[in-house]
Structures are given as structure tokens and as C-alpha cells.
Amino acid sequence: FTDAKIAWQPLQDMLGRLTDRTFNNITVDSDTST
């Protein structure tokens, strides 16, 4: 959550970019949840 002001599309684009640098680069057991 943030108190920043930003429209949905640029927020969605930013989230996608950063996900590829963070959460998509971790693994505990190689199993992807449903």
C-alpha cells in the first residue's frame, strides 16, 4: 500500500517490471502455487 497518486496502467506496468526483479527471482522448492 502507498499514499502515492498514480493511474492504474502506469502502476500496473511498474508492478510488472519490479516483480521480474524480485518475486520472480525467488524459489524455495520449485513448486508454483495455485
All heavy atoms as atom14 arrays in JSON, in Angstrom:
{
  "sequence": "FTDAKIAWQPLQDMLGRLTDRTFNNITVDSDTST",
  "atom14_mask": [
    [1, 1, 1, 1, 1, 1, 1, 1, 1, 1, 1, 0, 0, 0],
    [1, 1, 1, 1, 1, 1, 1, 0, 0, 0, 0, 0, 0, 0],
    [1, 1, 1, 1, 1, 1, 1, 1, 0, 0, 0, 0, 0, 0],
    [1, 1, 1, 1, 1, 0, 0, 0, 0, 0, 0, 0, 0, 0],
    [1, 1, 1, 1, 1, 1, 1, 1, 1, 0, 0, 0, 0, 0],
    [1, 1, 1, 1, 1, 1, 1, 1, 0, 0, 0, 0, 0, 0],
    [1, 1, 1, 1, 1, 0, 0, 0, 0, 0, 0, 0, 0, 0],
    [1, 1, 1, 1, 1, 1, 1, 1, 1, 1, 1, 1, 1, 1],
    [1, 1, 1, 1, 1, 1, 1, 1, 1, 0, 0, 0, 0, 0],
    [1, 1, 1, 1, 1, 1, 1, 0, 0, 0, 0, 0, 0, 0],
    [1, 1, 1, 1, 1, 1, 1, 1, 0, 0, 0, 0, 0, 0],
    [1, 1, 1, 1, 1, 1, 1, 1, 1, 0, 0, 0, 0, 0],
    [1, 1, 1, 1, 1, 1, 1, 1, 0, 0, 0, 0, 0, 0],
    [1, 1, 1, 1, 1, 1, 1, 1, 0, 0, 0, 0, 0, 0],
    [1, 1, 1, 1, 1, 1, 1, 1, 0, 0, 0, 0, 0, 0],
    [1, 1, 1, 1, 0, 0, 0, 0, 0, 0, 0, 0, 0, 0],
    [1, 1, 1, 1, 1, 1, 1, 1, 1, 1, 1, 0, 0, 0],
    [1, 1, 1, 1, 1, 1, 1, 1, 0, 0, 0, 0, 0, 0],
    [1, 1, 1, 1, 1, 1, 1, 0, 0, 0, 0, 0, 0, 0],
    [1, 1, 1, 1, 1, 1, 1, 1, 0, 0, 0, 0, 0, 0],
    [1, 1, 1, 1, 1, 1, 1, 1, 1, 1, 1, 0, 0, 0],
    [1, 1, 1, 1, 1, 1, 1, 0, 0, 0, 0, 0, 0, 0],
    [1, 1, 1, 1, 1, 1, 1, 1, 1, 1, 1, 0, 0, 0],
    [1, 1, 1, 1, 1, 1, 1, 1, 0, 0, 0, 0, 0, 0],
    [1, 1, 1, 1, 1, 1, 1, 1, 0, 0, 0, 0, 0, 0],
    [1, 1, 1, 1, 1, 1, 1, 1, 0, 0, 0, 0, 0, 0],
    [1, 1, 1, 1, 1, 1, 1, 0, 0, 0, 0, 0, 0, 0],
    [1, 1, 1, 1, 1, 1, 1, 0, 0, 0, 0, 0, 0, 0],
    [1, 1, 1, 1, 1, 1, 1, 1, 0, 0, 0, 0, 0, 0],
    [1, 1, 1, 1, 1, 1, 0, 0, 0, 0, 0, 0, 0, 0],
    [1, 1, 1, 1, 1, 1, 1, 1, 0, 0, 0, 0, 0, 0],
    [1, 1, 1, 1, 1, 1, 1, 0, 0, 0, 0, 0, 0, 0],
    [1, 1, 1, 1, 1, 1, 0, 0, 0, 0, 0, 0, 0, 0],
    [1, 1, 1, 1, 1, 1, 1, 0, 0, 0, 0, 0, 0, 0]
  ],
  "atom14_positions": [
    [[0.84, -1.19, 0.0], [0.0, 0.0, 0.0], [0.87, 1.25, 0.0], [1.93, 1.28, 0.63], [-0.91, 0.0, 1.24], [-1.73, -1.25, 1.37], [-1.24, -2.35, 2.07], [-2.98, -1.34, 0.79], [-1.99, -3.52, 2.18], [-3.74, -2.5, 0.9], [-3.24, -3.59, 1.59], [0.0, 0.0, 0.0], [0.0, 0.0, 0.0], [0.0, 0.0, 0.0]],
    [[0.42, 2.26, -0.72], [1.13, 3.53, -0.77], [0.13, 4.67, -0.84], [-0.98, 4.5, -1.36], [2.1, 3.59, -1.98], [2.72, 4.88, -2.02], [1.37, 3.36, -3.3], [0.0, 0.0, 0.0], [0.0, 0.0, 0.0], [0.0, 0.0, 0.0], [0.0, 0.0, 0.0], [0.0, 0.0, 0.0], [0.0, 0.0, 0.0], [0.0, 0.0, 0.0]],
    [[0.53, 5.83, -0.33], [-0.33, 7.01, -0.44], [0.01, 7.84, -1.68], [-0.46, 8.95, -1.85], [-0.24, 7.87, 0.82], [1.18, 8.3, 1.17], [2.09, 8.09, 0.35], [1.38, 8.83, 2.28], [0.0, 0.0, 0.0], [0.0, 0.0, 0.0], [0.0, 0.0, 0.0], [0.0, 0.0, 0.0], [0.0, 0.0, 0.0], [0.0, 0.0, 0.0]],
    [[0.81, 7.26, -2.57], [1.16, 7.94, -3.83], [-0.07, 8.05, -4.74], [-1.01, 7.27, -4.63], [2.27, 7.18, -4.54], [0.0, 0.0, 0.0], [0.0, 0.0, 0.0], [0.0, 0.0, 0.0], [0.0, 0.0, 0.0], [0.0, 0.0, 0.0], [0.0, 0.0, 0.0], [0.0, 0.0, 0.0], [0.0, 0.0, 0.0], [0.0, 0.0, 0.0]],
    [[0.02, 8.99, -5.66], [-1.03, 9.17, -6.66], [-0.5, 8.69, -8.01], [0.54, 9.14, -8.48], [-1.42, 10.65, -6.75], [-2.53, 10.94, -7.76], [-2.84, 12.44, -7.78], [-3.94, 12.75, -8.8], [-4.23, 14.21, -8.85], [0.0, 0.0, 0.0], [0.0, 0.0, 0.0], [0.0, 0.0, 0.0], [0.0, 0.0, 0.0], [0.0, 0.0, 0.0]],
    [[-1.22, 7.77, -8.63], [-0.8, 7.24, -9.92], [-1.97, 6.49, -10.55], [-2.74, 5.82, -9.86], [0.43, 6.29, -9.76], [0.91, 5.79, -11.13], [0.14, 5.17, -8.8], [2.26, 5.05, -11.05], [0.0, 0.0, 0.0], [0.0, 0.0, 0.0], [0.0, 0.0, 0.0], [0.0, 0.0, 0.0], [0.0, 0.0, 0.0], [0.0, 0.0, 0.0]],
    [[-2.12, 6.64, -11.85], [-3.2, 5.96, -12.56], [-2.92, 4.45, -12.64], [-1.78, 3.99, -12.46], [-3.36, 6.54, -13.96], [0.0, 0.0, 0.0], [0.0, 0.0, 0.0], [0.0, 0.0, 0.0], [0.0, 0.0, 0.0], [0.0, 0.0, 0.0], [0.0, 0.0, 0.0], [0.0, 0.0, 0.0], [0.0, 0.0, 0.0], [0.0, 0.0, 0.0]],
    [[-3.97, 3.69, -12.96], [-3.84, 2.24, -12.92], [-2.81, 1.69, -13.88], [-1.96, 0.87, -13.5], [-5.2, 1.57, -13.21], [-5.06, 0.08, -13.27], [-4.91, -0.76, -12.2], [-4.99, -0.73, -14.44], [-4.76, -2.07, -12.64], [-4.8, -2.08, -14.01], [-5.07, -0.46, -15.81], [-4.7, -3.13, -14.91], [-4.96, -1.53, -16.69], [-4.78, -2.84, -16.24]],
    [[-2.81, 2.1, -15.14], [-1.93, 1.47, -16.12], [-0.46, 1.67, -15.78], [0.31, 0.69, -15.8], [-2.22, 1.99, -17.53], [-1.51, 1.18, -18.62], [-1.92, -0.28, -18.66], [-3.08, -0.6, -18.91], [-0.98, -1.19, -18.4], [0.0, 0.0, 0.0], [0.0, 0.0, 0.0], [0.0, 0.0, 0.0], [0.0, 0.0, 0.0], [0.0, 0.0, 0.0]],
    [[0.0, 2.9, -15.46], [1.41, 3.02, -15.08], [1.75, 2.27, -13.79], [2.87, 1.79, -13.64], [1.63, 4.53, -14.93], [0.28, 5.14, -14.87], [-0.63, 4.22, -15.6], [0.0, 0.0, 0.0], [0.0, 0.0, 0.0], [0.0, 0.0, 0.0], [0.0, 0.0, 0.0], [0.0, 0.0, 0.0], [0.0, 0.0, 0.0], [0.0, 0.0, 0.0]],
    [[0.78, 2.18, -12.88], [1.01, 1.41, -11.65], [1.15, -0.07, -11.98], [2.04, -0.75, -11.46], [-0.16, 1.63, -10.68], [0.0, 0.99, -9.29], [1.12, 1.67, -8.52], [-1.32, 1.08, -8.51], [0.0, 0.0, 0.0], [0.0, 0.0, 0.0], [0.0, 0.0, 0.0], [0.0, 0.0, 0.0], [0.0, 0.0, 0.0], [0.0, 0.0, 0.0]],
    [[0.29, -0.57, -12.86], [0.35, -1.97, -13.28], [1.67, -2.26, -14.0], [2.3, -3.3, -13.75], [-0.83, -2.28, -14.19], [-0.93, -3.72, -14.65], [-1.29, -4.69, -13.53], [-2.04, -4.33, -12.62], [-0.77, -5.89, -13.6], [0.0, 0.0, 0.0], [0.0, 0.0, 0.0], [0.0, 0.0, 0.0], [0.0, 0.0, 0.0], [0.0, 0.0, 0.0]],
    [[2.09, -1.36, -14.87], [3.34, -1.56, -15.6], [4.53, -1.59, -14.65], [5.45, -2.42, -14.8], [3.53, -0.44, -16.63], [2.51, -0.51, -17.76], [1.86, -1.56, -17.93], [2.36, 0.51, -18.47], [0.0, 0.0, 0.0], [0.0, 0.0, 0.0], [0.0, 0.0, 0.0], [0.0, 0.0, 0.0], [0.0, 0.0, 0.0], [0.0, 0.0, 0.0]],
    [[4.54, -0.68, -13.66], [5.63, -0.63, -12.7], [5.68, -1.91, -11.87], [6.76, -2.47, -11.65], [5.45, 0.57, -11.77], [6.61, 0.82, -10.82], [6.3, 2.19, -9.66], [6.03, 3.55, -10.79], [0.0, 0.0, 0.0], [0.0, 0.0, 0.0], [0.0, 0.0, 0.0], [0.0, 0.0, 0.0], [0.0, 0.0, 0.0], [0.0, 0.0, 0.0]],
    [[4.53, -2.39, -11.45], [4.47, -3.61, -10.66], [5.02, -4.79, -11.45], [5.78, -5.61, -10.91], [3.04, -3.88, -10.22], [2.82, -5.1, -9.33], [3.58, -4.95, -8.02], [1.34, -5.33, -9.08], [0.0, 0.0, 0.0], [0.0, 0.0, 0.0], [0.0, 0.0, 0.0], [0.0, 0.0, 0.0], [0.0, 0.0, 0.0], [0.0, 0.0, 0.0]],
    [[4.67, -4.88, -12.72], [5.18, -5.96, -13.55], [6.68, -5.93, -13.69], [7.36, -6.96, -13.59], [0.0, 0.0, 0.0], [0.0, 0.0, 0.0], [0.0, 0.0, 0.0], [0.0, 0.0, 0.0], [0.0, 0.0, 0.0], [0.0, 0.0, 0.0], [0.0, 0.0, 0.0], [0.0, 0.0, 0.0], [0.0, 0.0, 0.0], [0.0, 0.0, 0.0]],
    [[7.23, -4.73, -13.92], [8.68, -4.59, -14.06], [9.4, -5.04, -12.79], [10.39, -5.79, -12.84], [9.06, -3.13, -14.35], [8.76, -2.65, -15.74], [9.49, -1.35, -16.04], [9.15, -0.26, -15.11], [8.11, 0.57, -15.26], [7.29, 0.41, -16.3], [7.9, 1.54, -14.4], [0.0, 0.0, 0.0], [0.0, 0.0, 0.0], [0.0, 0.0, 0.0]],
    [[8.91, -4.58, -11.65], [9.6, -4.87, -10.4], [9.41, -6.31, -9.95], [10.28, -6.87, -9.27], [9.11, -3.9, -9.32], [9.46, -2.42, -9.57], [8.94, -1.55, -8.44], [10.97, -2.24, -9.73], [0.0, 0.0, 0.0], [0.0, 0.0, 0.0], [0.0, 0.0, 0.0], [0.0, 0.0, 0.0], [0.0, 0.0, 0.0], [0.0, 0.0, 0.0]],
    [[8.3, -6.91, -10.31], [8.09, -8.32, -9.98], [9.15, -9.19, -10.62], [9.65, -10.14, -10.02], [6.69, -8.76, -10.43], [5.71, -8.02, -9.71], [6.47, -10.25, -10.17], [0.0, 0.0, 0.0], [0.0, 0.0, 0.0], [0.0, 0.0, 0.0], [0.0, 0.0, 0.0], [0.0, 0.0, 0.0], [0.0, 0.0, 0.0], [0.0, 0.0, 0.0]],
    [[9.52, -8.87, -11.85], [10.53, -9.67, -12.56], [11.9, -9.53, -11.92], [12.77, -10.38, -12.16], [10.58, -9.25, -14.03], [9.44, -9.84, -14.83], [8.83, -10.82, -14.37], [9.13, -9.31, -15.92], [0.0, 0.0, 0.0], [0.0, 0.0, 0.0], [0.0, 0.0, 0.0], [0.0, 0.0, 0.0], [0.0, 0.0, 0.0], [0.0, 0.0, 0.0]],
    [[12.11, -8.49, -11.12], [13.4, -8.28, -10.45], [13.39, -8.78, -9.0], [14.43, -8.75, -8.34], [13.77, -6.8, -10.48], [14.0, -6.24, -11.88], [14.1, -4.71, -11.84], [15.15, -4.25, -10.93], [15.26, -2.99, -10.5], [14.38, -2.08, -10.92], [16.21, -2.64, -9.68], [0.0, 0.0, 0.0], [0.0, 0.0, 0.0], [0.0, 0.0, 0.0]],
    [[12.23, -9.2, -8.51], [12.13, -9.56, -7.1], [11.45, -10.92, -6.93], [12.11, -11.95, -6.9], [11.36, -8.47, -6.33], [10.07, -8.26, -6.93], [12.14, -7.15, -6.35], [0.0, 0.0, 0.0], [0.0, 0.0, 0.0], [0.0, 0.0, 0.0], [0.0, 0.0, 0.0], [0.0, 0.0, 0.0], [0.0, 0.0, 0.0], [0.0, 0.0, 0.0]],
    [[10.13, -10.93, -6.87], [9.4, -12.15, -6.56], [9.56, -13.24, -7.61], [9.45, -14.42, -7.3], [7.92, -11.84, -6.33], [7.68, -11.03, -5.09], [7.35, -9.69, -5.17], [7.79, -11.61, -3.84], [7.14, -8.94, -4.03], [7.59, -10.87, -2.69], [7.26, -9.54, -2.78], [0.0, 0.0, 0.0], [0.0, 0.0, 0.0], [0.0, 0.0, 0.0]],
    [[9.82, -12.87, -8.84], [10.03, -13.89, -9.87], [11.45, -14.42, -9.87], [11.81, -15.23, -10.72], [9.67, -13.35, -11.25], [8.2, -13.51, -11.57], [7.47, -14.17, -10.83], [7.74, -12.92, -12.65], [0.0, 0.0, 0.0], [0.0, 0.0, 0.0], [0.0, 0.0, 0.0], [0.0, 0.0, 0.0], [0.0, 0.0, 0.0], [0.0, 0.0, 0.0]],
    [[12.26, -13.97, -8.91], [13.63, -14.46, -8.8], [13.88, -15.18, -7.49], [15.02, -15.28, -7.04], [14.63, -13.31, -8.94], [14.8, -12.88, -10.39], [14.48, -13.63, -11.3], [15.29, -11.68, -10.61], [0.0, 0.0, 0.0], [0.0, 0.0, 0.0], [0.0, 0.0, 0.0], [0.0, 0.0, 0.0], [0.0, 0.0, 0.0], [0.0, 0.0, 0.0]],
    [[12.82, -15.68, -6.87], [13.0, -16.47, -5.65], [12.42, -17.87, -5.86], [11.52, -18.07, -6.68], [12.35, -15.82, -4.42], [10.81, -15.77, -4.55], [12.92, -14.44, -4.17], [10.1, -15.32, -3.29], [0.0, 0.0, 0.0], [0.0, 0.0, 0.0], [0.0, 0.0, 0.0], [0.0, 0.0, 0.0], [0.0, 0.0, 0.0], [0.0, 0.0, 0.0]],
    [[12.96, -18.83, -5.12], [12.43, -20.18, -5.15], [12.79, -20.87, -3.84], [13.9, -20.73, -3.34], [12.95, -20.99, -6.35], [12.42, -22.32, -6.29], [14.46, -21.03, -6.4], [0.0, 0.0, 0.0], [0.0, 0.0, 0.0], [0.0, 0.0, 0.0], [0.0, 0.0, 0.0], [0.0, 0.0, 0.0], [0.0, 0.0, 0.0], [0.0, 0.0, 0.0]],
    [[11.83, -21.57, -3.27], [12.08, -22.39, -2.09], [12.14, -23.85, -2.48], [13.05, -24.58, -2.09], [10.99, -22.15, -1.01], [11.05, -23.22, 0.09], [11.13, -20.76, -0.41], [0.0, 0.0, 0.0], [0.0, 0.0, 0.0], [0.0, 0.0, 0.0], [0.0, 0.0, 0.0], [0.0, 0.0, 0.0], [0.0, 0.0, 0.0], [0.0, 0.0, 0.0]],
    [[11.15, -24.29, -3.28], [11.04, -25.72, -3.56], [10.67, -26.03, -5.01], [10.32, -27.16, -5.32], [10.02, -26.35, -2.62], [8.7, -25.57, -2.59], [8.45, -24.8, -3.54], [7.94, -25.73, -1.62], [0.0, 0.0, 0.0], [0.0, 0.0, 0.0], [0.0, 0.0, 0.0], [0.0, 0.0, 0.0], [0.0, 0.0, 0.0], [0.0, 0.0, 0.0]],
    [[10.67, -25.04, -5.87], [10.4, -25.17, -7.31], [8.93, -25.35, -7.64], [8.58, -25.54, -8.8], [11.2, -26.32, -7.95], [10.6, -27.58, -7.73], [0.0, 0.0, 0.0], [0.0, 0.0, 0.0], [0.0, 0.0, 0.0], [0.0, 0.0, 0.0], [0.0, 0.0, 0.0], [0.0, 0.0, 0.0], [0.0, 0.0, 0.0], [0.0, 0.0, 0.0]],
    [[8.03, -25.29, -6.63], [6.61, -25.5, -6.88], [5.85, -24.18, -6.88], [5.94, -23.4, -5.92], [6.02, -26.43, -5.81], [6.46, -27.87, -5.99], [6.73, -28.24, -7.14], [6.52, -28.6, -4.99], [0.0, 0.0, 0.0], [0.0, 0.0, 0.0], [0.0, 0.0, 0.0], [0.0, 0.0, 0.0], [0.0, 0.0, 0.0], [0.0, 0.0, 0.0]],
    [[5.1, -23.94, -7.95], [4.33, -22.71, -8.1], [2.91, -22.92, -7.59], [2.21, -23.82, -8.03], [4.3, -22.27, -9.58], [5.63, -22.0, -10.0], [3.45, -21.02, -9.75], [0.0, 0.0, 0.0], [0.0, 0.0, 0.0], [0.0, 0.0, 0.0], [0.0, 0.0, 0.0], [0.0, 0.0, 0.0], [0.0, 0.0, 0.0], [0.0, 0.0, 0.0]],
    [[2.47, -22.06, -6.71], [1.16, -22.2, -6.08], [0.02, -21.89, -7.05], [0.18, -21.16, -8.02], [1.06, -21.27, -4.88], [-0.25, -21.21, -4.37], [0.0, 0.0, 0.0], [0.0, 0.0, 0.0], [0.0, 0.0, 0.0], [0.0, 0.0, 0.0], [0.0, 0.0, 0.0], [0.0, 0.0, 0.0], [0.0, 0.0, 0.0], [0.0, 0.0, 0.0]],
    [[-1.16, -22.42, -6.72], [-2.39, -22.12, -7.47], [-2.99, -20.78, -7.04], [-3.95, -20.31, -7.66], [-3.44, -23.21, -7.2], [-3.7, -23.26, -5.79], [-2.95, -24.56, -7.66], [0.0, 0.0, 0.0], [0.0, 0.0, 0.0], [0.0, 0.0, 0.0], [0.0, 0.0, 0.0], [0.0, 0.0, 0.0], [0.0, 0.0, 0.0], [0.0, 0.0, 0.0]]
  ]
}
